């Protein structure tokens, strides 16, 4: 995968994918992945905003995004962006809000190409954390827990 930056975070490394003016992807990389300095000015902006968020959970991202997904996925991702910091929604609640099913919402959450900025970590299960990045445990759920704790949810 071609990254325009690899940013060290409190829980690992984020691989940043972007054009000269649009964020197209963020991937969770192995914690021992070496950082990569931003390759262009926009990647520098993305890294700066992510760093600001990790320092202050109330930081508001202001980045042009181009997530690649279906119409349904895009609808779910838009709904996730409307969940305020410090709050969560259950998969079923988000599904009812947009006229979908909890399972379809969960799939769209797992396919979110720009996690952290599009806050899929704010969508939880009816009786627990739910999944994260199509995983129901391990390192992926540790990242979700970290993000929710950072935002004061848990």
Protein backbone atom coordinates (compact mmCIF):
# COMPACT_ATOMS: atom_id res chain seq x y z
CA UNK A 1 0.00 0.00 0.00
CA UNK A 2 1.22 3.48 -0.83
CA UNK A 3 1.00 5.87 2.12
CA UNK A 4 1.63 9.59 2.08
CA UNK A 5 2.49 9.43 5.80
CA UNK A 6 2.71 6.96 8.68
CA UNK A 7 1.80 8.63 11.96
CA UNK A 8 2.80 7.23 15.37
CA UNK A 9 -0.20 7.39 17.73
CA UNK A 10 -0.80 6.42 21.36
CA UNK A 11 -2.05 2.98 20.23
CA UNK A 12 0.05 2.24 17.14
CA UNK A 13 0.71 3.66 13.70
CA UNK A 14 -1.78 5.10 11.19
CA UNK A 15 -1.11 4.82 7.46
CA UNK A 16 -2.41 7.96 5.76
CA UNK A 17 -3.64 7.80 2.16
CA UNK A 18 -4.46 11.05 0.42
CA UNK A 19 -4.21 13.05 -2.75
CA UNK A 20 -2.78 16.57 -2.77
CA UNK A 21 -6.05 17.89 -1.29
CA UNK A 22 -8.30 15.02 -0.12
CA UNK A 23 -8.09 12.31 2.55
CA UNK A 24 -8.98 8.94 1.02
CA UNK A 25 -7.91 6.43 3.67
CA UNK A 26 -6.50 5.72 7.11
CA UNK A 27 -5.28 2.25 7.99
CA UNK A 28 -4.24 0.84 11.34
CA UNK A 29 -0.73 -0.54 10.89
CA UNK A 30 1.30 -2.79 13.17
CA UNK A 31 2.53 -0.91 16.25
CA UNK A 32 6.17 -1.54 15.27
CA UNK A 33 5.73 0.02 11.80
CA UNK A 34 8.30 2.80 11.34
CA UNK A 35 6.77 6.29 11.00
CA UNK A 36 6.97 8.03 7.61
CA UNK A 37 7.15 11.81 7.38
CA UNK A 38 4.36 13.38 5.31
CA UNK A 39 5.15 13.33 1.60
CA UNK A 40 3.06 16.39 0.70
CA UNK A 41 1.52 19.47 2.33
CA UNK A 42 -1.94 17.92 2.63
CA UNK A 43 -0.56 14.80 4.34
CA UNK A 44 1.15 17.20 6.78
CA UNK A 45 -2.25 18.84 7.43
CA UNK A 46 -3.89 15.44 8.03
CA UNK A 47 -1.13 14.42 10.46
CA UNK A 48 -1.41 17.78 12.23
CA UNK A 49 -5.16 17.40 12.70
CA UNK A 50 -4.86 13.78 13.90
CA UNK A 51 -2.15 14.84 16.37
CA UNK A 52 -4.42 17.65 17.60
CA UNK A 53 -7.26 15.14 18.12
CA UNK A 54 -4.99 12.78 20.07
CA UNK A 55 -4.01 15.71 22.31
CA UNK A 56 -7.60 16.98 22.69
CA UNK A 57 -10.65 14.77 22.01
CA UNK A 58 -12.75 17.90 21.45
CA UNK A 59 -10.69 18.80 18.38
CA UNK A 60 -12.94 19.04 15.31
CA UNK A 61 -11.57 17.62 12.05
CA UNK A 62 -11.82 19.91 9.06
CA UNK A 63 -10.56 17.83 6.15
CA UNK A 64 -11.99 17.16 2.70
CA UNK A 65 -12.80 13.44 2.60
CA UNK A 66 -13.36 11.03 -0.26
CA UNK A 67 -14.31 7.68 1.21
CA UNK A 68 -14.89 5.11 -1.51
CA UNK A 69 -18.05 3.13 -0.81
CA UNK A 70 -21.56 2.23 -1.83
CA UNK A 71 -24.53 4.58 -1.40
CA UNK A 72 -25.56 2.68 1.75
CA UNK A 73 -22.05 2.82 3.23
CA UNK A 74 -21.86 6.54 2.52
CA UNK A 75 -25.20 7.06 4.30
CA UNK A 76 -23.91 5.14 7.36
CA UNK A 77 -20.61 7.05 7.38
CA UNK A 78 -22.47 10.39 7.22
CA UNK A 79 -24.65 9.32 10.15
CA UNK A 80 -21.56 8.32 12.15
CA UNK A 81 -20.06 11.77 11.58
CA UNK A 82 -23.13 13.28 13.28
CA UNK A 83 -22.54 11.36 16.54
CA UNK A 84 -21.05 13.91 18.96
CA UNK A 85 -17.79 13.27 20.77
CA UNK A 86 -18.47 11.62 24.11
CA UNK A 87 -21.55 9.79 22.84
CA UNK A 88 -22.22 6.46 21.17
CA UNK A 89 -25.05 4.93 19.17
CA UNK A 90 -25.98 1.29 18.99
CA UNK A 91 -25.90 -0.39 15.57
CA UNK A 92 -29.69 -0.80 15.78
CA UNK A 93 -30.23 2.87 16.68
CA UNK A 94 -28.18 4.04 13.71
CA UNK A 95 -29.99 1.52 11.50
CA UNK A 96 -33.41 2.83 12.57
CA UNK A 97 -32.26 6.40 11.98
CA UNK A 98 -31.28 5.72 8.36
CA UNK A 99 -33.80 2.97 7.50
CA UNK A 100 -31.39 0.05 7.44
CA UNK A 101 -30.58 -3.05 9.48
CA UNK A 102 -28.13 -3.35 12.36
CA UNK A 103 -26.11 -5.96 10.46
CA UNK A 104 -25.79 -3.72 7.39
CA UNK A 105 -24.72 -0.82 9.61
CA UNK A 106 -22.12 -3.05 11.25
CA UNK A 107 -20.75 -4.07 7.86
CA UNK A 108 -20.52 -0.43 6.76
CA UNK A 109 -18.75 0.45 10.02
CA UNK A 110 -16.23 -2.33 9.44
CA UNK A 111 -15.62 -1.09 5.88
CA UNK A 112 -15.05 2.53 6.92
CA UNK A 113 -11.97 3.61 4.95
CA UNK A 114 -11.26 6.69 7.11
CA UNK A 115 -11.53 5.56 10.75
CA UNK A 116 -10.93 8.05 13.57
CA UNK A 117 -11.98 10.96 11.31
CA UNK A 118 -15.20 9.12 10.39
CA UNK A 119 -15.86 7.92 13.95
CA UNK A 120 -16.99 4.31 13.54
CA UNK A 121 -15.63 3.68 17.04
CA UNK A 122 -18.71 5.55 18.36
CA UNK A 123 -21.03 2.78 17.15
CA UNK A 124 -21.41 0.00 19.71
CA UNK A 125 -23.37 -3.17 20.27
CA UNK A 126 -26.60 -3.44 22.23
CA UNK A 127 -24.82 -5.18 25.10
CA UNK A 128 -21.17 -4.22 24.75
CA UNK A 129 -18.49 -2.79 22.53
CA UNK A 130 -19.50 -4.54 19.34
CA UNK A 131 -16.77 -5.08 16.80
CA UNK A 132 -14.11 -2.93 15.19
CA UNK A 133 -12.54 -3.34 11.77
CA UNK A 134 -14.46 -6.64 11.32
CA UNK A 135 -12.90 -8.04 14.53
CA UNK A 136 -14.66 -8.88 17.77
CA UNK A 137 -11.59 -8.90 19.99
CA UNK A 138 -7.84 -8.47 20.25
CA UNK A 139 -5.84 -5.48 19.12
CA UNK A 140 -8.70 -4.02 17.04
CA UNK A 141 -11.00 -3.85 20.05
CA UNK A 142 -8.15 -2.41 22.15
CA UNK A 143 -7.97 0.49 19.67
CA UNK A 144 -11.75 1.04 19.89
CA UNK A 145 -11.55 1.00 23.70
CA UNK A 146 -8.67 3.51 23.61
CA UNK A 147 -10.60 5.87 21.31
CA UNK A 148 -13.77 5.68 23.43
CA UNK A 149 -11.79 6.22 26.65
CA UNK A 150 -9.97 9.16 25.03
CA UNK A 151 -13.36 10.69 24.23
CA UNK A 152 -14.63 10.11 27.77
CA UNK A 153 -17.20 7.46 26.89
CA UNK A 154 -15.70 4.62 28.96
